[in-house]
């Protein structure tokens, strides 16, 4: 019986028990590294996701900065282009400073009238605007002062002064581009006017009705004014051309910006309107003569 059971039966039991324990412990040991590796992988994924988000944020910021820089560069380029364009544009003063002053002639006045009325009037009406050479006085060649020029074109001024007795009319009408220029012209008339009465005809601090009253009360020999106010007086019949002998246009005078009377659009428009308000017709009839000073 002892031989069948084996001498070392207890040892076999011990070994089998150990093997079973080992077999049971092996899967536990294998499960533990799987759990740790899964945790590591989750941590690595979280770190990768966070880094990707950061990179995306950084790239977005970079793109914003790039777009801002590009927009600023475009704005700078456009501003530089505008500056260049502005520099290329020339004003009237730039053109006039580069050119030498040329005295005005009757042909300049005639071309001004034709260019203005060429599109609004017929050929027959344009012919009515033409003035012969006999309608003009000698023009200033830029060597005369106002008093010397008037003495040349009005040699019998003292005699004409005594013969003038009409109200609402003047013998000599001087047209200037501004009220300040008209005041300067009145000061320059001291050597020429003699006993003549001079009247200001401009809109600065003077009403039209007051000027009409002063023209109708007494005899006025010389009037100095602007085209706009003279045209308004002609429309209201406060000023007539019945006794007018000389119409002098302050053509060659230039202001601080080197602009003449015909270089300023508003003044030029008033001048053309004034000339069309019966002055051209009376001049064609021989009532008075026009001089360009």
C-alpha atoms as a PDB file:
ATOM      1  CA  UNK A   1       0.000   0.000   0.000  1.00  0.00           C
ATOM      2  CA  UNK A   2       2.807   2.330   0.811  1.00  0.00           C
ATOM      3  CA  UNK A   3       4.334   1.841  -2.623  1.00  0.00           C
ATOM      4  CA  UNK A   4       1.135   2.742  -4.500  1.00  0.00           C
ATOM      5  CA  UNK A   5       0.491   5.903  -2.614  1.00  0.00           C
ATOM      6  CA  UNK A   6       4.043   7.037  -2.934  1.00  0.00           C
ATOM      7  CA  UNK A   7       6.505   7.934  -0.287  1.00  0.00           C
ATOM      8  CA  UNK A   8       6.411  11.676  -0.904  1.00  0.00           C
ATOM      9  CA  UNK A   9       2.703  12.290  -1.379  1.00  0.00           C
ATOM     10  CA  UNK A  10       2.723  15.324   0.868  1.00  0.00           C
ATOM     11  CA  UNK A  11       5.265  16.986  -1.202  1.00  0.00           C
ATOM     12  CA  UNK A  12       3.095  16.642  -4.267  1.00  0.00           C
ATOM     13  CA  UNK A  13       0.239  18.293  -2.510  1.00  0.00           C
ATOM     14  CA  UNK A  14       2.488  21.122  -1.439  1.00  0.00           C
ATOM     15  CA  UNK A  15       3.774  21.602  -4.982  1.00  0.00           C
ATOM     16  CA  UNK A  16       0.307  21.482  -6.497  1.00  0.00           C
ATOM     17  CA  UNK A  17      -0.902  24.060  -3.996  1.00  0.00           C
ATOM     18  CA  UNK A  18       1.965  26.326  -4.799  1.00  0.00           C
ATOM     19  CA  UNK A  19       1.356  26.015  -8.522  1.00  0.00           C
ATOM     20  CA  UNK A  20      -2.280  26.854  -8.122  1.00  0.00           C
ATOM     21  CA  UNK A  21      -1.381  29.886  -6.086  1.00  0.00           C
ATOM     22  CA  UNK A  22       1.126  30.932  -8.678  1.00  0.00           C
ATOM     23  CA  UNK A  23      -1.432  30.448 -11.433  1.00  0.00           C
ATOM     24  CA  UNK A  24      -3.894  32.531  -9.497  1.00  0.00           C
ATOM     25  CA  UNK A  25      -1.357  35.331  -8.844  1.00  0.00           C
ATOM     26  CA  UNK A  26      -0.123  35.554 -12.414  1.00  0.00           C
ATOM     27  CA  UNK A  27      -3.312  37.070 -13.871  1.00  0.00           C
ATOM     28  CA  UNK A  28      -3.389  39.599 -11.049  1.00  0.00           C
ATOM     29  CA  UNK A  29       0.136  40.613 -11.832  1.00  0.00           C
ATOM     30  CA  UNK A  30      -0.757  40.826 -15.485  1.00  0.00           C
ATOM     31  CA  UNK A  31      -3.834  42.968 -14.794  1.00  0.00           C
ATOM     32  CA  UNK A  32      -1.925  45.522 -12.715  1.00  0.00           C
ATOM     33  CA  UNK A  33       0.448  46.651 -15.523  1.00  0.00           C
ATOM     34  CA  UNK A  34      -2.540  46.930 -17.895  1.00  0.00           C
ATOM     35  CA  UNK A  35      -4.258  49.362 -15.561  1.00  0.00           C
ATOM     36  CA  UNK A  36      -1.100  51.438 -15.091  1.00  0.00           C
ATOM     37  CA  UNK A  37      -0.459  51.572 -18.832  1.00  0.00           C
ATOM     38  CA  UNK A  38      -4.020  52.675 -19.532  1.00  0.00           C
ATOM     39  CA  UNK A  39      -3.650  55.484 -17.009  1.00  0.00           C
ATOM     40  CA  UNK A  40      -0.402  56.539 -18.598  1.00  0.00           C
ATOM     41  CA  UNK A  41      -1.999  56.552 -22.034  1.00  0.00           C
ATOM     42  CA  UNK A  42      -4.896  58.660 -20.783  1.00  0.00           C
ATOM     43  CA  UNK A  43      -2.449  61.119 -19.230  1.00  0.00           C
ATOM     44  CA  UNK A  44      -0.419  61.290 -22.403  1.00  0.00           C
ATOM     45  CA  UNK A  45      -3.592  61.896 -24.460  1.00  0.00           C
ATOM     46  CA  UNK A  46      -4.649  64.711 -22.142  1.00  0.00           C
ATOM     47  CA  UNK A  47      -1.208  66.300 -22.400  1.00  0.00           C
ATOM     48  CA  UNK A  48      -1.260  65.989 -26.197  1.00  0.00           C
ATOM     49  CA  UNK A  49      -4.757  67.503 -26.388  1.00  0.00           C
ATOM     50  CA  UNK A  50      -3.748  70.404 -24.162  1.00  0.00           C
ATOM     51  CA  UNK A  51      -0.611  71.055 -26.223  1.00  0.00           C
ATOM     52  CA  UNK A  52      -2.652  70.950 -29.436  1.00  0.00           C
ATOM     53  CA  UNK A  53      -5.118  73.487 -28.035  1.00  0.00           C
ATOM     54  CA  UNK A  54      -2.260  75.755 -26.983  1.00  0.00           C
ATOM     55  CA  UNK A  55      -0.708  75.495 -30.418  1.00  0.00           C
ATOM     56  CA  UNK A  56      -4.029  76.331 -32.034  1.00  0.00           C
ATOM     57  CA  UNK A  57      -4.435  79.363 -29.808  1.00  0.00           C
ATOM     58  CA  UNK A  58      -0.928  80.493 -30.598  1.00  0.00           C
ATOM     59  CA  UNK A  59      -1.453  80.071 -34.315  1.00  0.00           C
ATOM     60  CA  UNK A  60      -4.709  82.041 -34.169  1.00  0.00           C
ATOM     61  CA  UNK A  61      -2.970  84.857 -32.359  1.00  0.00           C
ATOM     62  CA  UNK A  62      -0.200  84.855 -34.913  1.00  0.00           C
ATOM     63  CA  UNK A  63      -2.737  85.030 -37.723  1.00  0.00           C
ATOM     64  CA  UNK A  64      -4.447  88.005 -36.049  1.00  0.00           C
ATOM     65  CA  UNK A  65      -1.151  89.794 -35.706  1.00  0.00           C
ATOM     66  CA  UNK A  66      -0.312  89.072 -39.330  1.00  0.00           C
ATOM     67  CA  UNK A  67      -3.663  90.408 -40.540  1.00  0.00           C
ATOM     68  CA  UNK A  68      -3.256  93.521 -38.403  1.00  0.00           C
ATOM     69  CA  UNK A  69       0.243  94.089 -39.735  1.00  0.00           C
ATOM     70  CA  UNK A  70      -0.941  93.578 -43.318  1.00  0.00           C
ATOM     71  CA  UNK A  71      -3.850  95.986 -42.822  1.00  0.00           C
ATOM     72  CA  UNK A  72      -1.491  98.556 -41.317  1.00  0.00           C
ATOM     73  CA  UNK A  73       0.905  98.125 -44.232  1.00  0.00           C
ATOM     74  CA  UNK A  74      -1.959  98.575 -46.710  1.00  0.00           C
ATOM     75  CA  UNK A  75      -3.114 101.694 -44.864  1.00  0.00           C
ATOM     76  CA  UNK A  76       0.413 103.133 -44.945  1.00  0.00           C
ATOM     77  CA  UNK A  77       0.719 102.397 -48.675  1.00  0.00           C
ATOM     78  CA  UNK A  78      -2.646 104.036 -49.407  1.00  0.00           C
ATOM     79  CA  UNK A  79      -1.750 107.084 -47.336  1.00  0.00           C
ATOM     80  CA  UNK A  80       1.553 107.403 -49.181  1.00  0.00           C
ATOM     81  CA  UNK A  81      -0.261 107.138 -52.526  1.00  0.00           C
ATOM     82  CA  UNK A  82      -2.726 109.840 -51.455  1.00  0.00           C
ATOM     83  CA  UNK A  83       0.153 112.065 -50.388  1.00  0.00           C
ATOM     84  CA  UNK A  84       1.819 111.587 -53.760  1.00  0.00           C
ATOM     85  CA  UNK A  85      -1.427 112.382 -55.537  1.00  0.00           C
ATOM     86  CA  UNK A  86      -1.902 115.492 -53.432  1.00  0.00           C
ATOM     87  CA  UNK A  87       1.606 116.620 -54.220  1.00  0.00           C
ATOM     88  CA  UNK A  88       0.967 116.219 -57.943  1.00  0.00           C
ATOM     89  CA  UNK A  89      -2.069 118.522 -57.868  1.00  0.00           C
ATOM     90  CA  UNK A  90      -1.173 122.160 -58.542  1.00  0.00           C
ATOM     91  CA  UNK A  91      -3.091 125.135 -57.256  1.00  0.00           C
ATOM     92  CA  UNK A  92      -3.681 128.428 -59.037  1.00  0.00           C
ATOM     93  CA  UNK A  93      -0.915 130.037 -57.012  1.00  0.00           C
ATOM     94  CA  UNK A  94       1.598 127.377 -58.125  1.00  0.00           C
ATOM     95  CA  UNK A  95       0.733 127.956 -61.770  1.00  0.00           C
ATOM     96  CA  UNK A  96       0.818 131.736 -61.469  1.00  0.00           C
ATOM     97  CA  UNK A  97       4.099 131.836 -59.548  1.00  0.00           C
ATOM     98  CA  UNK A  98       5.799 129.832 -62.290  1.00  0.00           C
ATOM     99  CA  UNK A  99       4.442 132.150 -65.014  1.00  0.00           C
ATOM    100  CA  UNK A 100       5.240 135.810 -65.546  1.00  0.00           C
ATOM    101  CA  UNK A 101       2.362 138.315 -65.220  1.00  0.00           C
ATOM    102  CA  UNK A 102       0.898 139.332 -68.563  1.00  0.00           C
ATOM    103  CA  UNK A 103      -1.248 142.478 -68.937  1.00  0.00           C
ATOM    104  CA  UNK A 104      -4.881 141.955 -69.830  1.00  0.00           C
ATOM    105  CA  UNK A 105      -6.195 142.890 -73.276  1.00  0.00           C
ATOM    106  CA  UNK A 106      -9.665 143.358 -74.803  1.00  0.00           C
ATOM    107  CA  UNK A 107      -9.222 139.955 -76.467  1.00  0.00           C
ATOM    108  CA  UNK A 108      -9.063 138.344 -73.011  1.00  0.00           C
ATOM    109  CA  UNK A 109     -12.416 139.839 -72.054  1.00  0.00           C
ATOM    110  CA  UNK A 110     -13.984 138.765 -75.343  1.00  0.00           C
ATOM    111  CA  UNK A 111     -12.724 135.187 -74.993  1.00  0.00           C
ATOM    112  CA  UNK A 112     -14.082 135.081 -71.452  1.00  0.00           C
ATOM    113  CA  UNK A 113     -17.539 136.100 -72.644  1.00  0.00           C
ATOM    114  CA  UNK A 114     -17.526 133.656 -75.573  1.00  0.00           C
ATOM    115  CA  UNK A 115     -16.373 130.693 -73.494  1.00  0.00           C
ATOM    116  CA  UNK A 116     -19.032 131.364 -70.884  1.00  0.00           C
ATOM    117  CA  UNK A 117     -21.992 131.793 -73.244  1.00  0.00           C
ATOM    118  CA  UNK A 118     -20.943 129.389 -76.026  1.00  0.00           C
ATOM    119  CA  UNK A 119     -23.089 126.501 -74.762  1.00  0.00           C
ATOM    120  CA  UNK A 120     -26.122 128.462 -73.556  1.00  0.00           C
ATOM    121  CA  UNK A 121     -26.700 130.901 -76.425  1.00  0.00           C
ATOM    122  CA  UNK A 122     -27.142 130.693 -80.146  1.00  0.00           C
ATOM    123  CA  UNK A 123     -24.686 132.011 -82.712  1.00  0.00           C
ATOM    124  CA  UNK A 124     -26.737 135.166 -83.295  1.00  0.00           C
ATOM    125  CA  UNK A 125     -26.898 135.878 -79.545  1.00  0.00           C
ATOM    126  CA  UNK A 126     -23.149 135.356 -79.271  1.00  0.00           C
ATOM    127  CA  UNK A 127     -22.563 137.921 -81.997  1.00  0.00           C
ATOM    128  CA  UNK A 128     -24.453 140.440 -79.892  1.00  0.00           C
ATOM    129  CA  UNK A 129     -21.824 139.993 -77.182  1.00  0.00           C
ATOM    130  CA  UNK A 130     -18.931 140.982 -79.432  1.00  0.00           C
ATOM    131  CA  UNK A 131     -17.371 144.401 -78.886  1.00  0.00           C
ATOM    132  CA  UNK A 132     -15.338 146.355 -81.422  1.00  0.00           C
ATOM    133  CA  UNK A 133     -11.921 147.816 -80.709  1.00  0.00           C
ATOM    134  CA  UNK A 134     -13.496 151.289 -80.578  1.00  0.00           C
ATOM    135  CA  UNK A 135     -15.414 150.181 -77.459  1.00  0.00           C
ATOM    136  CA  UNK A 136     -12.205 149.860 -75.435  1.00  0.00           C
ATOM    137  CA  UNK A 137      -9.799 152.286 -73.834  1.00  0.00           C
ATOM    138  CA  UNK A 138      -6.057 151.675 -73.894  1.00  0.00           C
ATOM    139  CA  UNK A 139      -5.121 148.889 -71.501  1.00  0.00           C
ATOM    140  CA  UNK A 140      -2.622 149.120 -68.665  1.00  0.00           C
ATOM    141  CA  UNK A 141       0.760 147.660 -69.625  1.00  0.00           C
ATOM    142  CA  UNK A 142       1.663 147.104 -65.930  1.00  0.00           C
ATOM    143  CA  UNK A 143       3.739 150.314 -65.820  1.00  0.00           C
ATOM    144  CA  UNK A 144       0.988 152.732 -64.748  1.00  0.00           C
ATOM    145  CA  UNK A 145      -0.366 153.550 -61.347  1.00  0.00           C
ATOM    146  CA  UNK A 146      -4.121 154.016 -61.086  1.00  0.00           C
ATOM    147  CA  UNK A 147      -3.968 157.810 -61.100  1.00  0.00           C
ATOM    148  CA  UNK A 148      -1.552 157.946 -64.076  1.00  0.00           C
ATOM    149  CA  UNK A 149      -3.682 155.465 -66.023  1.00  0.00           C
ATOM    150  CA  UNK A 150      -6.900 157.435 -65.407  1.00  0.00           C
ATOM    151  CA  UNK A 151      -5.199 160.687 -66.413  1.00  0.00           C
ATOM    152  CA  UNK A 152      -4.182 159.050 -69.677  1.00  0.00           C
ATOM    153  CA  UNK A 153      -7.616 157.627 -70.555  1.00  0.00           C
ATOM    154  CA  UNK A 154      -9.597 160.587 -69.134  1.00  0.00           C
ATOM    155  CA  UNK A 155      -7.651 163.698 -70.230  1.00  0.00           C
ATOM    156  CA  UNK A 156     -10.686 166.027 -69.902  1.00  0.00           C
ATOM    157  CA  UNK A 157     -11.778 164.858 -66.475  1.00  0.00           C
ATOM    158  CA  UNK A 158     -12.315 168.312 -64.965  1.00  0.00           C
ATOM    159  CA  UNK A 159     -14.665 169.329 -67.789  1.00  0.00           C
ATOM    160  CA  UNK A 160     -16.640 166.058 -67.644  1.00  0.00           C
ATOM    161  CA  UNK A 161     -16.910 166.431 -63.873  1.00  0.00           C
ATOM    162  CA  UNK A 162     -18.733 169.760 -64.179  1.00  0.00           C
ATOM    163  CA  UNK A 163     -21.113 168.524 -66.882  1.00  0.00           C
ATOM    164  CA  UNK A 164     -22.365 165.540 -64.881  1.00  0.00           C
ATOM    165  CA  UNK A 165     -25.654 166.357 -63.086  1.00  0.00           C
ATOM    166  CA  UNK A 166     -27.577 163.049 -63.145  1.00  0.00           C
ATOM    167  CA  UNK A 167     -28.535 161.129 -60.019  1.00  0.00           C
ATOM    168  CA  UNK A 168     -28.434 157.329 -59.704  1.00  0.00           C
ATOM    169  CA  UNK A 169     -25.551 157.343 -62.161  1.00  0.00           C
ATOM    170  CA  UNK A 170     -21.776 157.881 -62.153  1.00  0.00           C
ATOM    171  CA  UNK A 171     -19.227 159.046 -64.707  1.00  0.00           C
ATOM    172  CA  UNK A 172     -16.491 156.573 -63.744  1.00  0.00           C
ATOM    173  CA  UNK A 173     -17.253 153.061 -62.486  1.00  0.00           C
ATOM    174  CA  UNK A 174     -14.333 150.952 -61.217  1.00  0.00           C
ATOM    175  CA  UNK A 175     -14.955 147.237 -60.637  1.00  0.00           C
ATOM    176  CA  UNK A 176     -12.720 145.350 -58.153  1.00  0.00           C
ATOM    177  CA  UNK A 177     -12.550 141.764 -56.975  1.00  0.00           C
ATOM    178  CA  UNK A 178     -13.075 142.413 -53.243  1.00  0.00           C
ATOM    179  CA  UNK A 179     -14.127 145.085 -50.767  1.00  0.00           C
ATOM    180  CA  UNK A 180     -10.591 145.443 -49.381  1.00  0.00           C
ATOM    181  CA  UNK A 181      -9.232 146.046 -52.856  1.00  0.00           C
ATOM    182  CA  UNK A 182     -11.976 148.623 -53.463  1.00  0.00           C
ATOM    183  CA  UNK A 183     -10.886 150.537 -50.348  1.00  0.00           C
ATOM    184  CA  UNK A 184      -7.273 150.551 -51.579  1.00  0.00           C
ATOM    185  CA  UNK A 185      -8.405 151.828 -54.990  1.00  0.00           C
ATOM    186  CA  UNK A 186     -10.347 154.681 -53.370  1.00  0.00           C
ATOM    187  CA  UNK A 187      -7.186 155.710 -51.524  1.00  0.00           C
ATOM    188  CA  UNK A 188      -5.232 155.702 -54.803  1.00  0.00           C
ATOM    189  CA  UNK A 189      -7.803 158.034 -56.407  1.00  0.00           C
ATOM    190  CA  UNK A 190      -6.738 161.014 -54.271  1.00  0.00           C
ATOM    191  CA  UNK A 191      -4.304 162.272 -56.923  1.00  0.00           C
ATOM    192  CA  UNK A 192      -6.895 162.054 -59.700  1.00  0.00           C
ATOM    193  CA  UNK A 193     -10.423 162.683 -58.426  1.00  0.00           C
ATOM    194  CA  UNK A 194     -10.164 166.422 -57.690  1.00  0.00           C
ATOM    195  CA  UNK A 195     -13.565 167.576 -56.380  1.00  0.00           C
ATOM    196  CA  UNK A 196     -15.408 164.449 -57.461  1.00  0.00           C
ATOM    197  CA  UNK A 197     -17.658 162.591 -55.027  1.00  0.00           C
ATOM    198  CA  UNK A 198     -16.686 158.937 -54.556  1.00  0.00           C
ATOM    199  CA  UNK A 199     -19.078 156.214 -53.395  1.00  0.00           C
ATOM    200  CA  UNK A 200     -18.382 152.696 -52.153  1.00  0.00           C
ATOM    201  CA  UNK A 201     -20.455 149.973 -53.791  1.00  0.00           C
ATOM    202  CA  UNK A 202     -19.708 146.716 -51.992  1.00  0.00           C
ATOM    203  CA  UNK A 203     -21.541 144.485 -49.539  1.00  0.00           C
ATOM    204  CA  UNK A 204     -19.245 144.813 -46.515  1.00  0.00           C
ATOM    205  CA  UNK A 205     -21.280 146.452 -43.692  1.00  0.00           C
ATOM    206  CA  UNK A 206     -23.361 148.424 -46.236  1.00  0.00           C
ATOM    207  CA  UNK A 207     -26.951 147.563 -47.227  1.00  0.00           C
ATOM    208  CA  UNK A 208     -28.263 147.817 -50.768  1.00  0.00           C
ATOM    209  CA  UNK A 209     -31.099 150.163 -49.749  1.00  0.00           C
ATOM    210  CA  UNK A 210     -28.663 152.580 -48.112  1.00  0.00           C
ATOM    211  CA  UNK A 211     -26.570 152.684 -51.271  1.00  0.00           C
ATOM    212  CA  UNK A 212     -29.683 153.312 -53.393  1.00  0.00           C
ATOM    213  CA  UNK A 213     -30.618 156.264 -51.142  1.00  0.00           C
ATOM    214  CA  UNK A 214     -27.139 157.781 -51.358  1.00  0.00           C
ATOM    215  CA  UNK A 215     -27.154 157.428 -55.171  1.00  0.00           C
ATOM    216  CA  UNK A 216     -30.590 159.046 -55.517  1.00  0.00           C
ATOM    217  CA  UNK A 217     -30.000 161.938 -53.079  1.00  0.00           C
ATOM    218  CA  UNK A 218     -27.069 163.676 -54.732  1.00  0.00           C
ATOM    219  CA  UNK A 219     -24.724 163.606 -57.698  1.00  0.00           C
ATOM    220  CA  UNK A 220     -21.993 160.952 -57.554  1.00  0.00           C
ATOM    221  CA  UNK A 221     -19.066 161.105 -59.970  1.00  0.00           C
ATOM    222  CA  UNK A 222     -17.017 157.990 -59.146  1.00  0.00           C
ATOM    223  CA  UNK A 223     -18.139 154.634 -57.784  1.00  0.00           C
ATOM    224  CA  UNK A 224     -15.846 151.785 -56.747  1.00  0.00           C
ATOM    225  CA  UNK A 225     -17.330 148.391 -55.962  1.00  0.00           C
ATOM    226  CA  UNK A 226     -17.567 144.654 -56.473  1.00  0.00           C
ATOM    227  CA  UNK A 227     -19.399 142.935 -59.368  1.00  0.00           C
ATOM    228  CA  UNK A 228     -21.974 141.274 -57.104  1.00  0.00           C
ATOM    229  CA  UNK A 229     -23.175 144.492 -55.456  1.00  0.00           C
ATOM    230  CA  UNK A 230     -23.083 146.501 -58.705  1.00  0.00           C
ATOM    231  CA  UNK A 231     -25.190 143.824 -60.389  1.00  0.00           C
ATOM    232  CA  UNK A 232     -27.710 143.949 -57.508  1.00  0.00           C
ATOM    233  CA  UNK A 233     -27.991 147.739 -57.845  1.00  0.00           C
ATOM    234  CA  UNK A 234     -28.509 147.459 -61.598  1.00  0.00           C
ATOM    235  CA  UNK A 235     -31.273 144.896 -61.089  1.00  0.00           C
ATOM    236  CA  UNK A 236     -33.084 147.157 -58.586  1.00  0.00           C
ATOM    237  CA  UNK A 237     -32.487 150.186 -60.846  1.00  0.00           C
ATOM    238  CA  UNK A 238     -30.724 151.965 -58.031  1.00  0.00           C
ATOM    239  CA  UNK A 239     -27.816 152.444 -60.450  1.00  0.00           C
ATOM    240  CA  UNK A 240     -28.181 153.266 -64.163  1.00  0.00           C
ATOM    241  CA  UNK A 241     -25.697 153.580 -67.046  1.00  0.00           C
ATOM    242  CA  UNK A 242     -27.184 156.762 -68.551  1.00  0.00           C
ATOM    243  CA  UNK A 243     -24.399 159.095 -67.402  1.00  0.00           C
ATOM    244  CA  UNK A 244     -21.625 156.473 -67.455  1.00  0.00           C
ATOM    245  CA  UNK A 245     -18.584 157.381 -69.570  1.00  0.00           C
ATOM    246  CA  UNK A 246     -15.824 155.051 -68.346  1.00  0.00           C
ATOM    247  CA  UNK A 247     -15.988 151.467 -67.039  1.00  0.00           C
ATOM    248  CA  UNK A 248     -12.611 150.366 -65.642  1.00  0.00           C
ATOM    249  CA  UNK A 249     -12.030 146.724 -64.684  1.00  0.00           C
ATOM    250  CA  UNK A 250      -9.313 146.024 -62.116  1.00  0.00           C
ATOM    251  CA  UNK A 251      -8.125 143.178 -64.329  1.00  0.00           C
ATOM    252  CA  UNK A 252      -4.405 142.839 -63.586  1.00  0.00           C
ATOM    253  CA  UNK A 253      -4.482 143.098 -59.796  1.00  0.00           C
ATOM    254  CA  UNK A 254      -3.501 139.923 -57.911  1.00  0.00           C
ATOM    255  CA  UNK A 255      -4.274 139.178 -54.275  1.00  0.00           C
ATOM    256  CA  UNK A 256      -2.051 137.381 -51.733  1.00  0.00           C
ATOM    257  CA  UNK A 257      -2.684 134.079 -53.506  1.00  0.00           C
ATOM    258  CA  UNK A 258      -1.754 135.684 -56.847  1.00  0.00           C
ATOM    259  CA  UNK A 259      -5.334 135.383 -58.114  1.00  0.00           C
ATOM    260  CA  UNK A 260      -6.852 137.915 -60.449  1.00  0.00           C
ATOM    261  CA  UNK A 261     -10.474 138.936 -60.412  1.00  0.00           C
ATOM    262  CA  UNK A 262     -11.277 136.454 -63.208  1.00  0.00           C
ATOM    263  CA  UNK A 263      -9.399 133.604 -61.474  1.00  0.00           C
ATOM    264  CA  UNK A 264     -11.954 133.444 -58.638  1.00  0.00           C
ATOM    265  CA  UNK A 265     -15.081 131.535 -59.767  1.00  0.00           C
ATOM    266  CA  UNK A 266     -17.616 133.514 -57.699  1.00  0.00           C
ATOM    267  CA  UNK A 267     -16.243 136.898 -58.704  1.00  0.00           C
ATOM    268  CA  UNK A 268     -15.960 135.841 -62.340  1.00  0.00           C
ATOM    269  CA  UNK A 269     -19.590 134.706 -62.341  1.00  0.00           C
ATOM    270  CA  UNK A 270     -20.757 138.018 -60.873  1.00  0.00           C
ATOM    271  CA  UNK A 271     -18.660 139.929 -63.411  1.00  0.00           C
ATOM    272  CA  UNK A 272     -20.189 138.088 -66.354  1.00  0.00           C
ATOM    273  CA  UNK A 273     -23.664 138.586 -64.935  1.00  0.00           C
ATOM    274  CA  UNK A 274     -22.989 142.296 -64.488  1.00  0.00           C
ATOM    275  CA  UNK A 275     -21.716 142.679 -68.044  1.00  0.00           C
ATOM    276  CA  UNK A 276     -24.783 140.912 -69.390  1.00  0.00           C
ATOM    277  CA  UNK A 277     -27.129 143.180 -67.440  1.00  0.00           C
ATOM    278  CA  UNK A 278     -27.237 145.957 -70.061  1.00  0.00           C
ATOM    279  CA  UNK A 279     -23.568 146.962 -69.964  1.00  0.00           C
ATOM    280  CA  UNK A 280     -22.537 145.180 -73.174  1.00  0.00           C
ATOM    281  CA  UNK A 281     -25.513 146.594 -75.047  1.00  0.00           C
ATOM    282  CA  UNK A 282     -24.806 150.171 -73.881  1.00  0.00           C
ATOM    283  CA  UNK A 283     -21.141 149.807 -74.752  1.00  0.00           C
ATOM    284  CA  UNK A 284     -22.017 148.594 -78.264  1.00  0.00           C
ATOM    285  CA  UNK A 285     -24.219 151.666 -78.650  1.00  0.00           C
ATOM    286  CA  UNK A 286     -21.271 153.922 -77.764  1.00  0.00           C
ATOM    287  CA  UNK A 287     -22.528 155.148 -74.362  1.00  0.00           C
ATOM    288  CA  UNK A 288     -19.249 154.382 -72.542  1.00  0.00           C
ATOM    289  CA  UNK A 289     -15.899 152.698 -73.045  1.00  0.00           C
ATOM    290  CA  UNK A 290     -14.210 149.845 -71.181  1.00  0.00           C
ATOM    291  CA  UNK A 291     -10.676 149.920 -69.835  1.00  0.00           C
ATOM    292  CA  UNK A 292      -8.579 147.083 -68.353  1.00  0.00           C
ATOM    293  CA  UNK A 293      -6.329 148.324 -65.583  1.00  0.00           C
END
